[in-house]
Amino acid sequence: MIKEYRDILFESGAVNKLNKDIKNNPEVNFKIVGYNVVPQKFGPDCRYILVDWEKEILEDSATKVSTIPESEVDTDTDPQVSEFVSKRFNLPDNPQ
């Protein structure tokens, strides 16, 4: 499952959100598949992080804590997800 973390003004940053998910789900494997920093004319730069989680990670809107639902998702990469990731983060066609 691909999950996007991004900086939101006046909220927790992308890195803090990712670290919270890692801490709350230590048994789940993950891989960072994309990272981008977008400079802002006014205010701080905006960071985006794409993470491929082994299982689906959902955020409880009330507690803002991410957890894994009982059903697992297939981790095979969907072609549309691959296209999105490569365009969004300018990844090479054949990463080694």
C-alpha atoms as a PDB file:
ATOM      1  CA  MET A   1       0.000   0.000   0.000  1.00  0.00           C
ATOM      2  CA  ILE A   2       1.420   3.385  -0.985  1.00  0.00           C
ATOM      3  CA  LYS A   3       0.807   6.139   1.554  1.00  0.00           C
ATOM      4  CA  GLU A   4       1.738   9.782   1.021  1.00  0.00           C
ATOM      5  CA  TYR A   5       3.024  11.928   3.860  1.00  0.00           C
ATOM      6  CA  ARG A   6       3.205  15.681   3.321  1.00  0.00           C
ATOM      7  CA  ASP A   7       3.803  18.836   5.263  1.00  0.00           C
ATOM      8  CA  ILE A   8       0.638  20.729   6.071  1.00  0.00           C
ATOM      9  CA  LEU A   9       0.925  24.276   7.350  1.00  0.00           C
ATOM     10  CA  PHE A  10       0.179  24.549  11.097  1.00  0.00           C
ATOM     11  CA  GLU A  11       0.098  20.744  11.448  1.00  0.00           C
ATOM     12  CA  SER A  12       2.626  18.011  11.980  1.00  0.00           C
ATOM     13  CA  GLY A  13       5.241  17.654   9.234  1.00  0.00           C
ATOM     14  CA  ALA A  14       5.684  14.726   6.857  1.00  0.00           C
ATOM     15  CA  VAL A  15       8.698  13.317   8.700  1.00  0.00           C
ATOM     16  CA  ASN A  16       6.922  13.446  12.064  1.00  0.00           C
ATOM     17  CA  LYS A  17       3.850  11.684  10.634  1.00  0.00           C
ATOM     18  CA  LEU A  18       6.018   8.948   9.100  1.00  0.00           C
ATOM     19  CA  ASN A  19       7.966   8.486  12.338  1.00  0.00           C
ATOM     20  CA  LYS A  20       4.681   8.170  14.267  1.00  0.00           C
ATOM     21  CA  ASP A  21       3.433   5.449  11.891  1.00  0.00           C
ATOM     22  CA  ILE A  22       6.740   3.573  12.175  1.00  0.00           C
ATOM     23  CA  LYS A  23       6.574   3.756  15.975  1.00  0.00           C
ATOM     24  CA  ASN A  24       2.911   2.621  16.079  1.00  0.00           C
ATOM     25  CA  ASN A  25       3.450  -0.253  13.606  1.00  0.00           C
ATOM     26  CA  PRO A  26       6.898  -1.732  14.347  1.00  0.00           C
ATOM     27  CA  GLU A  27       5.995  -5.158  12.934  1.00  0.00           C
ATOM     28  CA  VAL A  28       5.171  -3.807   9.453  1.00  0.00           C
ATOM     29  CA  ASN A  29       7.875  -3.603   6.793  1.00  0.00           C
ATOM     30  CA  PHE A  30       8.050  -0.479   4.663  1.00  0.00           C
ATOM     31  CA  LYS A  31      10.155   1.101   1.949  1.00  0.00           C
ATOM     32  CA  ILE A  32      10.446   4.777   1.083  1.00  0.00           C
ATOM     33  CA  VAL A  33       9.767   4.956  -2.665  1.00  0.00           C
ATOM     34  CA  GLY A  34       9.752   8.704  -3.185  1.00  0.00           C
ATOM     35  CA  TYR A  35      10.759  11.975  -1.599  1.00  0.00           C
ATOM     36  CA  ASN A  36      10.354  15.500  -2.915  1.00  0.00           C
ATOM     37  CA  VAL A  37      10.791  19.015  -1.569  1.00  0.00           C
ATOM     38  CA  VAL A  38       8.770  21.777  -3.199  1.00  0.00           C
ATOM     39  CA  PRO A  39      10.141  25.267  -2.514  1.00  0.00           C
ATOM     40  CA  GLN A  40       7.496  27.785  -1.511  1.00  0.00           C
ATOM     41  CA  LYS A  41       7.680  31.456  -2.401  1.00  0.00           C
ATOM     42  CA  PHE A  42       6.262  32.394   1.000  1.00  0.00           C
ATOM     43  CA  GLY A  43       6.652  30.167   4.026  1.00  0.00           C
ATOM     44  CA  PRO A  44       8.549  26.929   4.588  1.00  0.00           C
ATOM     45  CA  ASP A  45       9.277  24.405   1.836  1.00  0.00           C
ATOM     46  CA  CYS A  46       6.794  21.547   1.516  1.00  0.00           C
ATOM     47  CA  ARG A  47       8.053  17.946   1.785  1.00  0.00           C
ATOM     48  CA  TYR A  48       6.341  14.900   0.294  1.00  0.00           C
ATOM     49  CA  ILE A  49       7.287  11.326   1.195  1.00  0.00           C
ATOM     50  CA  LEU A  50       5.831   8.217  -0.481  1.00  0.00           C
ATOM     51  CA  VAL A  51       6.074   4.999   1.520  1.00  0.00           C
ATOM     52  CA  ASP A  52       5.221   1.489   0.335  1.00  0.00           C
ATOM     53  CA  TRP A  53       3.856  -0.321   3.408  1.00  0.00           C
ATOM     54  CA  GLU A  54       3.713  -4.114   3.527  1.00  0.00           C
ATOM     55  CA  LYS A  55       0.170  -3.864   4.948  1.00  0.00           C
ATOM     56  CA  GLU A  56      -2.504  -1.192   4.777  1.00  0.00           C
ATOM     57  CA  ILE A  57      -2.074   1.600   7.310  1.00  0.00           C
ATOM     58  CA  LEU A  58      -5.209   3.580   8.197  1.00  0.00           C
ATOM     59  CA  GLU A  59      -5.416   6.737  10.301  1.00  0.00           C
ATOM     60  CA  ASP A  60      -8.117   7.127  12.932  1.00  0.00           C
ATOM     61  CA  SER A  61      -9.484  10.637  12.316  1.00  0.00           C
ATOM     62  CA  ALA A  62     -10.317  11.166  15.985  1.00  0.00           C
ATOM     63  CA  THR A  63      -6.963  10.110  17.469  1.00  0.00           C
ATOM     64  CA  LYS A  64      -4.775  10.704  14.371  1.00  0.00           C
ATOM     65  CA  VAL A  65      -3.121   7.330  15.072  1.00  0.00           C
ATOM     66  CA  SER A  66      -2.399   5.040  12.130  1.00  0.00           C
ATOM     67  CA  THR A  67      -3.113   1.340  12.513  1.00  0.00           C
ATOM     68  CA  ILE A  68      -3.288  -1.772  10.354  1.00  0.00           C
ATOM     69  CA  PRO A  69      -6.747  -3.170   9.553  1.00  0.00           C
ATOM     70  CA  GLU A  70      -7.222  -6.917   9.895  1.00  0.00           C
ATOM     71  CA  SER A  71      -7.307  -7.475   6.149  1.00  0.00           C
ATOM     72  CA  GLU A  72      -3.955  -7.230   4.399  1.00  0.00           C
ATOM     73  CA  VAL A  73      -3.547  -5.762   0.951  1.00  0.00           C
ATOM     74  CA  ASP A  74      -1.615  -7.178  -1.964  1.00  0.00           C
ATOM     75  CA  THR A  75       1.763  -5.462  -2.128  1.00  0.00           C
ATOM     76  CA  ASP A  76       2.312  -6.001  -5.856  1.00  0.00           C
ATOM     77  CA  THR A  77       2.858  -2.648  -7.480  1.00  0.00           C
ATOM     78  CA  ASP A  78      -0.103  -1.440  -9.498  1.00  0.00           C
ATOM     79  CA  PRO A  79       0.981   0.042 -12.879  1.00  0.00           C
ATOM     80  CA  GLN A  80      -0.993   3.234 -12.187  1.00  0.00           C
ATOM     81  CA  VAL A  81       0.732   3.642  -8.828  1.00  0.00           C
ATOM     82  CA  SER A  82       4.124   3.162 -10.496  1.00  0.00           C
ATOM     83  CA  GLU A  83       3.279   5.805 -13.091  1.00  0.00           C
ATOM     84  CA  PHE A  84       2.103   8.235 -10.385  1.00  0.00           C
ATOM     85  CA  VAL A  85       5.269   7.687  -8.331  1.00  0.00           C
ATOM     86  CA  SER A  86       7.620   8.101 -11.302  1.00  0.00           C
ATOM     87  CA  LYS A  87       5.918  11.300 -12.505  1.00  0.00           C
ATOM     88  CA  ARG A  88       5.521  12.845  -9.047  1.00  0.00           C
ATOM     89  CA  PHE A  89       9.052  12.154  -7.897  1.00  0.00           C
ATOM     90  CA  ASN A  90      10.940  12.064 -11.224  1.00  0.00           C
ATOM     91  CA  LEU A  91      12.208   8.533 -10.644  1.00  0.00           C
ATOM     92  CA  PRO A  92      14.264   6.791 -13.358  1.00  0.00           C
ATOM     93  CA  ASP A  93      12.535   4.130 -15.458  1.00  0.00           C
ATOM     94  CA  ASN A  94      14.809   1.293 -14.294  1.00  0.00           C
ATOM     95  CA  PRO A  95      16.072   2.020 -10.770  1.00  0.00           C
ATOM     96  CA  GLN A  96      18.862  -0.312  -9.679  1.00  0.00           C
END
